[in-house]
Amino acid sequence: MEVSSQAVLGRFFKLALIVAGIGAVHILTLLMSWYTVISDTMSTTPIQGYIITESLFMSIAGGIVCGIALLLSSTSSNIMTAKWLVGATALVGALLAIASPAYAHFVVIPALQVKGHLEIGMFMSYLSAIAMFVPAVTIITTPIRIEVLPHTVPPSLETSVPAVEEAVELLHATDVPPGAICGICYQELDPETTVMCSNCQTLFHKGCIDIWVKLNGICPSCKKPVIR
């Protein structure tokens, strides 16, 4: 399906808006518990995401970069520029967001050498980061085909307006057959109020044809312009 450049830019903006929104949610996951340290059977210590400095910086940076992608999508007017700038910026933000919980999970927590288990905050951080990644990739992989439409010259005024000699007149019908019907409303004609097209001899009620010609300017039967 082919769509206009404005429609594609609008879709890029919507995708960037989704990425930026999820980026804000991702930053909020820093306030949640990512890991719980179990000292003994009775003592546990939760570790929030913001406590891990590197993860804090990467999550915030990812959210800010995704916000920049939204800004770029709202200011870009060139479809190809928007595709690569917005897509690449959103992708960088998503990768920073993914790196944040991954660094805590595979580097910081093992280095603590303590017993414990992952908490919902860690999973929410992963999930939101992946959710940012999908629309970013969608922007980059969206196929763009630009077609140059041939320039068409509108028909001249002389060719669009019927010649005067082709116009027809509405004449009073002197011989109306019994049971004849109007060519517009298909009701039986009254000889006293019946008119006829001078070209195709179609019969009409005068009231019907007057309204028709006023709106359309032509005979409804032969399509010739009517002299009024």
C-alpha atoms as a PDB file:
ATOM      1  CA  MET A   1       0.000   0.000   0.000  1.00  0.00           C
ATOM      2  CA  GLU A   2       1.362   3.408  -0.966  1.00  0.00           C
ATOM      3  CA  VAL A   3       0.979   6.305   1.463  1.00  0.00           C
ATOM      4  CA  SER A   4       2.039   9.939   1.359  1.00  0.00           C
ATOM      5  CA  SER A   5       5.282  11.249   2.834  1.00  0.00           C
ATOM      6  CA  GLN A   6       3.290  13.102   5.493  1.00  0.00           C
ATOM      7  CA  ALA A   7       1.612   9.851   6.536  1.00  0.00           C
ATOM      8  CA  VAL A   8       4.971   8.067   6.841  1.00  0.00           C
ATOM      9  CA  LEU A   9       6.443  10.934   8.868  1.00  0.00           C
ATOM     10  CA  GLY A  10       3.360  10.764  11.079  1.00  0.00           C
ATOM     11  CA  ARG A  11       3.942   7.054  11.669  1.00  0.00           C
ATOM     12  CA  PHE A  12       7.592   7.705  12.519  1.00  0.00           C
ATOM     13  CA  PHE A  13       6.454  10.323  15.043  1.00  0.00           C
ATOM     14  CA  LYS A  14       4.001   7.872  16.627  1.00  0.00           C
ATOM     15  CA  LEU A  15       6.703   5.182  16.889  1.00  0.00           C
ATOM     16  CA  ALA A  16       9.165   7.677  18.375  1.00  0.00           C
ATOM     17  CA  LEU A  17       6.473   8.766  20.830  1.00  0.00           C
ATOM     18  CA  ILE A  18       6.016   5.136  21.885  1.00  0.00           C
ATOM     19  CA  VAL A  19       9.781   4.718  22.359  1.00  0.00           C
ATOM     20  CA  ALA A  20      10.012   7.906  24.423  1.00  0.00           C
ATOM     21  CA  GLY A  21       7.040   6.889  26.569  1.00  0.00           C
ATOM     22  CA  ILE A  22       8.477   3.454  27.271  1.00  0.00           C
ATOM     23  CA  GLY A  23      11.831   5.123  27.974  1.00  0.00           C
ATOM     24  CA  ALA A  24      10.201   7.128  30.754  1.00  0.00           C
ATOM     25  CA  VAL A  25       8.720   3.923  32.198  1.00  0.00           C
ATOM     26  CA  HIS A  26      12.146   2.293  31.954  1.00  0.00           C
ATOM     27  CA  ILE A  27      13.694   5.060  34.065  1.00  0.00           C
ATOM     28  CA  LEU A  28      10.993   4.558  36.688  1.00  0.00           C
ATOM     29  CA  THR A  29      12.010   0.907  37.037  1.00  0.00           C
ATOM     30  CA  LEU A  30      15.181   2.202  38.725  1.00  0.00           C
ATOM     31  CA  LEU A  31      13.035   2.895  41.783  1.00  0.00           C
ATOM     32  CA  MET A  32      12.011  -0.772  41.997  1.00  0.00           C
ATOM     33  CA  SER A  33      13.929  -3.556  43.670  1.00  0.00           C
ATOM     34  CA  TRP A  34      16.196  -5.311  41.150  1.00  0.00           C
ATOM     35  CA  TYR A  35      17.814  -7.853  43.442  1.00  0.00           C
ATOM     36  CA  THR A  36      17.366  -9.126  46.978  1.00  0.00           C
ATOM     37  CA  VAL A  37      20.424 -10.167  48.983  1.00  0.00           C
ATOM     38  CA  ILE A  38      19.761 -13.001  51.463  1.00  0.00           C
ATOM     39  CA  SER A  39      22.191 -12.733  54.393  1.00  0.00           C
ATOM     40  CA  ASP A  40      20.610 -15.551  56.370  1.00  0.00           C
ATOM     41  CA  THR A  41      17.221 -17.156  56.645  1.00  0.00           C
ATOM     42  CA  MET A  42      15.805 -14.115  58.464  1.00  0.00           C
ATOM     43  CA  SER A  43      17.634 -11.147  56.867  1.00  0.00           C
ATOM     44  CA  THR A  44      17.199  -9.790  53.341  1.00  0.00           C
ATOM     45  CA  THR A  45      18.426  -6.581  51.704  1.00  0.00           C
ATOM     46  CA  PRO A  46      16.751  -5.227  48.531  1.00  0.00           C
ATOM     47  CA  ILE A  47      18.907  -3.482  45.936  1.00  0.00           C
ATOM     48  CA  GLN A  48      17.128  -0.856  43.843  1.00  0.00           C
ATOM     49  CA  GLY A  49      18.262  -0.108  40.312  1.00  0.00           C
ATOM     50  CA  TYR A  50      19.331   3.463  41.066  1.00  0.00           C
ATOM     51  CA  ILE A  51      21.847   2.228  43.651  1.00  0.00           C
ATOM     52  CA  ILE A  52      23.966   0.764  40.850  1.00  0.00           C
ATOM     53  CA  THR A  53      25.614   3.887  39.423  1.00  0.00           C
ATOM     54  CA  GLU A  54      26.386   2.536  35.971  1.00  0.00           C
ATOM     55  CA  SER A  55      22.847   1.230  35.494  1.00  0.00           C
ATOM     56  CA  LEU A  56      21.442   4.530  36.731  1.00  0.00           C
ATOM     57  CA  PHE A  57      23.437   6.503  34.161  1.00  0.00           C
ATOM     58  CA  MET A  58      22.683   4.104  31.285  1.00  0.00           C
ATOM     59  CA  SER A  59      18.937   4.061  31.964  1.00  0.00           C
ATOM     60  CA  ILE A  60      18.706   7.834  32.224  1.00  0.00           C
ATOM     61  CA  ALA A  61      20.880   8.283  29.126  1.00  0.00           C
ATOM     62  CA  GLY A  62      18.702   5.818  27.205  1.00  0.00           C
ATOM     63  CA  GLY A  63      15.544   7.706  28.168  1.00  0.00           C
ATOM     64  CA  ILE A  64      17.065  11.055  27.187  1.00  0.00           C
ATOM     65  CA  VAL A  65      18.258   9.734  23.818  1.00  0.00           C
ATOM     66  CA  CYS A  66      14.781   8.371  23.103  1.00  0.00           C
ATOM     67  CA  GLY A  67      13.387  11.799  23.942  1.00  0.00           C
ATOM     68  CA  ILE A  68      15.794  13.271  21.380  1.00  0.00           C
ATOM     69  CA  ALA A  69      14.456  10.772  18.826  1.00  0.00           C
ATOM     70  CA  LEU A  70      10.945  12.090  19.489  1.00  0.00           C
ATOM     71  CA  LEU A  71      12.173  15.662  19.008  1.00  0.00           C
ATOM     72  CA  LEU A  72      13.852  14.736  15.714  1.00  0.00           C
ATOM     73  CA  SER A  73      10.698  13.019  14.462  1.00  0.00           C
ATOM     74  CA  SER A  74       8.647  16.151  15.111  1.00  0.00           C
ATOM     75  CA  THR A  75      11.069  18.469  13.298  1.00  0.00           C
ATOM     76  CA  SER A  76      12.142  16.340  10.324  1.00  0.00           C
ATOM     77  CA  SER A  77      10.500  17.072   6.986  1.00  0.00           C
ATOM     78  CA  ASN A  78      12.558  14.757   4.773  1.00  0.00           C
ATOM     79  CA  ILE A  79      11.305  11.197   4.912  1.00  0.00           C
ATOM     80  CA  MET A  80      14.681   9.477   4.439  1.00  0.00           C
ATOM     81  CA  THR A  81      16.442  11.775   6.901  1.00  0.00           C
ATOM     82  CA  ALA A  82      13.723  11.099   9.453  1.00  0.00           C
ATOM     83  CA  LYS A  83      13.974   7.346   8.917  1.00  0.00           C
ATOM     84  CA  TRP A  84      17.695   7.121   9.648  1.00  0.00           C
ATOM     85  CA  LEU A  85      18.079   9.897  12.231  1.00  0.00           C
ATOM     86  CA  VAL A  86      15.014   8.980  14.257  1.00  0.00           C
ATOM     87  CA  GLY A  87      15.540   5.231  13.871  1.00  0.00           C
ATOM     88  CA  ALA A  88      19.238   5.301  14.766  1.00  0.00           C
ATOM     89  CA  THR A  89      18.697   7.623  17.743  1.00  0.00           C
ATOM     90  CA  ALA A  90      15.845   5.502  19.083  1.00  0.00           C
ATOM     91  CA  LEU A  91      17.941   2.357  18.588  1.00  0.00           C
ATOM     92  CA  VAL A  92      20.873   3.825  20.552  1.00  0.00           C
ATOM     93  CA  GLY A  93      18.498   4.748  23.378  1.00  0.00           C
ATOM     94  CA  ALA A  94      17.031   1.240  23.392  1.00  0.00           C
ATOM     95  CA  LEU A  95      20.475  -0.377  23.463  1.00  0.00           C
ATOM     96  CA  LEU A  96      21.515   1.819  26.405  1.00  0.00           C
ATOM     97  CA  ALA A  97      18.325   0.789  28.184  1.00  0.00           C
ATOM     98  CA  ILE A  98      19.035  -2.901  27.569  1.00  0.00           C
ATOM     99  CA  ALA A  99      22.630  -2.501  28.738  1.00  0.00           C
ATOM    100  CA  SER A 100      21.482  -1.051  32.071  1.00  0.00           C
ATOM    101  CA  PRO A 101      19.872  -4.189  33.624  1.00  0.00           C
ATOM    102  CA  ALA A 102      22.267  -6.467  31.726  1.00  0.00           C
ATOM    103  CA  TYR A 103      25.285  -4.770  33.356  1.00  0.00           C
ATOM    104  CA  ALA A 104      23.724  -5.099  36.798  1.00  0.00           C
ATOM    105  CA  HIS A 105      22.682  -8.695  36.153  1.00  0.00           C
ATOM    106  CA  PHE A 106      25.903 -10.063  34.691  1.00  0.00           C
ATOM    107  CA  VAL A 107      28.599  -7.794  36.162  1.00  0.00           C
ATOM    108  CA  VAL A 108      27.603  -6.066  39.391  1.00  0.00           C
ATOM    109  CA  ILE A 109      25.545  -8.798  41.084  1.00  0.00           C
ATOM    110  CA  PRO A 110      28.020 -11.650  40.444  1.00  0.00           C
ATOM    111  CA  ALA A 111      30.805  -9.418  41.777  1.00  0.00           C
ATOM    112  CA  LEU A 112      28.963  -9.127  45.113  1.00  0.00           C
ATOM    113  CA  GLN A 113      29.384 -12.883  45.661  1.00  0.00           C
ATOM    114  CA  VAL A 114      26.256 -13.069  47.790  1.00  0.00           C
ATOM    115  CA  LYS A 115      23.183 -15.231  47.772  1.00  0.00           C
ATOM    116  CA  GLY A 116      19.942 -13.774  46.575  1.00  0.00           C
ATOM    117  CA  HIS A 117      17.428 -13.675  43.769  1.00  0.00           C
ATOM    118  CA  LEU A 118      16.290 -11.324  41.015  1.00  0.00           C
ATOM    119  CA  GLU A 119      13.295  -9.106  41.700  1.00  0.00           C
ATOM    120  CA  ILE A 120      10.450  -7.796  39.542  1.00  0.00           C
ATOM    121  CA  GLY A 121      12.266  -4.514  38.942  1.00  0.00           C
ATOM    122  CA  MET A 122      15.014  -6.283  36.997  1.00  0.00           C
ATOM    123  CA  PHE A 123      12.487  -8.054  34.782  1.00  0.00           C
ATOM    124  CA  MET A 124      10.498  -4.863  34.239  1.00  0.00           C
ATOM    125  CA  SER A 125      13.701  -3.079  33.245  1.00  0.00           C
ATOM    126  CA  TYR A 126      14.513  -5.781  30.693  1.00  0.00           C
ATOM    127  CA  LEU A 127      10.952  -5.800  29.379  1.00  0.00           C
ATOM    128  CA  SER A 128      10.712  -2.040  28.941  1.00  0.00           C
ATOM    129  CA  ALA A 129      14.105  -1.928  27.227  1.00  0.00           C
ATOM    130  CA  ILE A 130      13.091  -4.619  24.745  1.00  0.00           C
ATOM    131  CA  ALA A 131       9.796  -2.797  24.169  1.00  0.00           C
ATOM    132  CA  MET A 132      11.846   0.290  23.216  1.00  0.00           C
ATOM    133  CA  PHE A 133      13.971  -1.772  20.841  1.00  0.00           C
ATOM    134  CA  VAL A 134      11.067  -3.070  18.716  1.00  0.00           C
ATOM    135  CA  PRO A 135       9.654   0.271  17.409  1.00  0.00           C
ATOM    136  CA  ALA A 136      13.194   1.590  16.913  1.00  0.00           C
ATOM    137  CA  VAL A 137      13.993  -1.324  14.616  1.00  0.00           C
ATOM    138  CA  THR A 138      10.610  -0.886  12.909  1.00  0.00           C
ATOM    139  CA  ILE A 139      11.523   2.678  11.946  1.00  0.00           C
ATOM    140  CA  ILE A 140      14.855   1.590  10.463  1.00  0.00           C
ATOM    141  CA  THR A 141      13.471  -1.416   8.577  1.00  0.00           C
ATOM    142  CA  THR A 142      10.404   0.356   7.149  1.00  0.00           C
ATOM    143  CA  PRO A 143      10.784   0.185   3.345  1.00  0.00           C
ATOM    144  CA  ILE A 144      10.560   3.561   1.666  1.00  0.00           C
ATOM    145  CA  ARG A 145       9.819   3.928  -2.035  1.00  0.00           C
ATOM    146  CA  ILE A 146       9.742   7.430  -3.428  1.00  0.00           C
ATOM    147  CA  GLU A 147       8.017   7.829  -6.775  1.00  0.00           C
ATOM    148  CA  VAL A 148       8.146  10.951  -8.880  1.00  0.00           C
ATOM    149  CA  LEU A 149       4.738  11.539 -10.375  1.00  0.00           C
ATOM    150  CA  PRO A 150       4.700  12.841 -13.945  1.00  0.00           C
ATOM    151  CA  HIS A 151       3.677  16.441 -14.348  1.00  0.00           C
ATOM    152  CA  THR A 152       0.242  16.679 -15.861  1.00  0.00           C
ATOM    153  CA  VAL A 153      -1.015  19.763 -17.616  1.00  0.00           C
ATOM    154  CA  PRO A 154      -4.672  20.562 -16.914  1.00  0.00           C
ATOM    155  CA  PRO A 155      -6.869  20.736 -19.977  1.00  0.00           C
ATOM    156  CA  SER A 156      -7.190  24.174 -21.454  1.00  0.00           C
ATOM    157  CA  LEU A 157     -10.278  26.239 -20.934  1.00  0.00           C
ATOM    158  CA  GLU A 158     -11.174  25.925 -24.595  1.00  0.00           C
ATOM    159  CA  THR A 159     -11.257  22.116 -24.480  1.00  0.00           C
ATOM    160  CA  SER A 160     -13.119  21.878 -21.173  1.00  0.00           C
ATOM    161  CA  VAL A 161     -15.971  24.217 -22.079  1.00  0.00           C
ATOM    162  CA  PRO A 162     -18.445  22.917 -24.680  1.00  0.00           C
ATOM    163  CA  ALA A 163     -18.650  24.935 -27.881  1.00  0.00           C
ATOM    164  CA  VAL A 164     -21.591  27.292 -28.191  1.00  0.00           C
ATOM    165  CA  GLU A 165     -22.899  25.520 -31.285  1.00  0.00           C
ATOM    166  CA  GLU A 166     -23.247  22.261 -29.307  1.00  0.00           C
ATOM    167  CA  ALA A 167     -25.681  23.779 -26.824  1.00  0.00           C
ATOM    168  CA  VAL A 168     -29.346  22.812 -26.909  1.00  0.00           C
ATOM    169  CA  GLU A 169     -32.606  24.524 -26.075  1.00  0.00           C
ATOM    170  CA  LEU A 170     -35.676  23.479 -24.143  1.00  0.00           C
ATOM    171  CA  LEU A 171     -38.761  23.859 -26.294  1.00  0.00           C
ATOM    172  CA  HIS A 172     -42.419  23.591 -25.416  1.00  0.00           C
ATOM    173  CA  ALA A 173     -43.619  20.156 -26.508  1.00  0.00           C
ATOM    174  CA  THR A 174     -46.598  20.445 -28.854  1.00  0.00           C
ATOM    175  CA  ASP A 175     -47.241  16.717 -29.288  1.00  0.00           C
ATOM    176  CA  VAL A 176     -47.131  14.695 -26.040  1.00  0.00           C
ATOM    177  CA  PRO A 177     -48.123  11.024 -26.501  1.00  0.00           C
ATOM    178  CA  PRO A 178     -50.669   9.660 -24.002  1.00  0.00           C
ATOM    179  CA  GLY A 179     -48.958   8.036 -21.016  1.00  0.00           C
ATOM    180  CA  ALA A 180     -45.570   9.697 -21.713  1.00  0.00           C
ATOM    181  CA  ILE A 181     -43.396  10.126 -18.632  1.00  0.00           C
ATOM    182  CA  CYS A 182     -40.845  12.727 -17.528  1.00  0.00           C
ATOM    183  CA  GLY A 183     -37.206  11.812 -18.216  1.00  0.00           C
ATOM    184  CA  ILE A 184     -36.243  12.967 -14.687  1.00  0.00           C
ATOM    185  CA  CYS A 185     -38.989  11.985 -12.217  1.00  0.00           C
ATOM    186  CA  TYR A 186     -40.588   9.254 -14.397  1.00  0.00           C
ATOM    187  CA  GLN A 187     -44.082  10.555 -13.619  1.00  0.00           C
ATOM    188  CA  GLU A 188     -46.783  11.028 -16.249  1.00  0.00           C
ATOM    189  CA  LEU A 189     -46.524  14.263 -18.197  1.00  0.00           C
ATOM    190  CA  ASP A 190     -49.065  17.046 -18.472  1.00  0.00           C
ATOM    191  CA  PRO A 191     -49.039  18.422 -22.067  1.00  0.00           C
ATOM    192  CA  GLU A 192     -49.414  21.978 -20.818  1.00  0.00           C
ATOM    193  CA  THR A 193     -46.240  21.861 -18.692  1.00  0.00           C
ATOM    194  CA  THR A 194     -44.101  19.594 -20.867  1.00  0.00           C
ATOM    195  CA  VAL A 195     -40.841  20.753 -22.492  1.00  0.00           C
ATOM    196  CA  MET A 196     -38.552  18.925 -24.899  1.00  0.00           C
ATOM    197  CA  CYS A 197     -34.801  18.894 -25.506  1.00  0.00           C
ATOM    198  CA  SER A 198     -34.105  20.260 -28.996  1.00  0.00           C
ATOM    199  CA  ASN A 199     -31.333  17.704 -29.525  1.00  0.00           C
ATOM    200  CA  CYS A 200     -32.584  14.352 -28.179  1.00  0.00           C
ATOM    201  CA  GLN A 201     -36.341  15.166 -28.042  1.00  0.00           C
ATOM    202  CA  THR A 202     -36.599  13.786 -24.484  1.00  0.00           C
ATOM    203  CA  LEU A 203     -39.682  15.069 -22.655  1.00  0.00           C
ATOM    204  CA  PHE A 204     -39.609  16.603 -19.182  1.00  0.00           C
ATOM    205  CA  HIS A 205     -41.802  18.380 -16.691  1.00  0.00           C
ATOM    206  CA  LYS A 206     -40.854  22.045 -16.923  1.00  0.00           C
ATOM    207  CA  GLY A 207     -40.335  22.224 -13.162  1.00  0.00           C
ATOM    208  CA  CYS A 208     -38.115  19.143 -13.151  1.00  0.00           C
ATOM    209  CA  ILE A 209     -35.868  20.248 -16.016  1.00  0.00           C
ATOM    210  CA  ASP A 210     -35.606  23.811 -14.704  1.00  0.00           C
ATOM    211  CA  ILE A 211     -34.220  22.569 -11.371  1.00  0.00           C
ATOM    212  CA  TRP A 212     -31.928  20.054 -13.122  1.00  0.00           C
ATOM    213  CA  VAL A 213     -30.459  22.635 -15.505  1.00  0.00           C
ATOM    214  CA  LYS A 214     -29.997  25.118 -12.692  1.00  0.00           C
ATOM    215  CA  LEU A 215     -27.883  22.558 -10.791  1.00  0.00           C
ATOM    216  CA  ASN A 216     -26.093  20.809 -13.670  1.00  0.00           C
ATOM    217  CA  GLY A 217     -26.379  22.991 -16.763  1.00  0.00           C
ATOM    218  CA  ILE A 218     -26.866  20.056 -19.142  1.00  0.00           C
ATOM    219  CA  CYS A 219     -29.627  17.876 -20.527  1.00  0.00           C
ATOM    220  CA  PRO A 220     -29.884  14.728 -18.353  1.00  0.00           C
ATOM    221  CA  SER A 221     -30.420  12.596 -21.447  1.00  0.00           C
ATOM    222  CA  CYS A 222     -27.943  13.726 -24.140  1.00  0.00           C
ATOM    223  CA  LYS A 223     -25.589  15.604 -21.741  1.00  0.00           C
ATOM    224  CA  LYS A 224     -25.459  18.663 -23.999  1.00  0.00           C
ATOM    225  CA  PRO A 225     -25.209  22.106 -22.322  1.00  0.00           C
ATOM    226  CA  VAL A 226     -28.556  23.863 -22.153  1.00  0.00           C
ATOM    227  CA  ILE A 227     -29.044  27.495 -23.194  1.00  0.00           C
ATOM    228  CA  ARG A 228     -30.968  29.230 -20.425  1.00  0.00           C
END
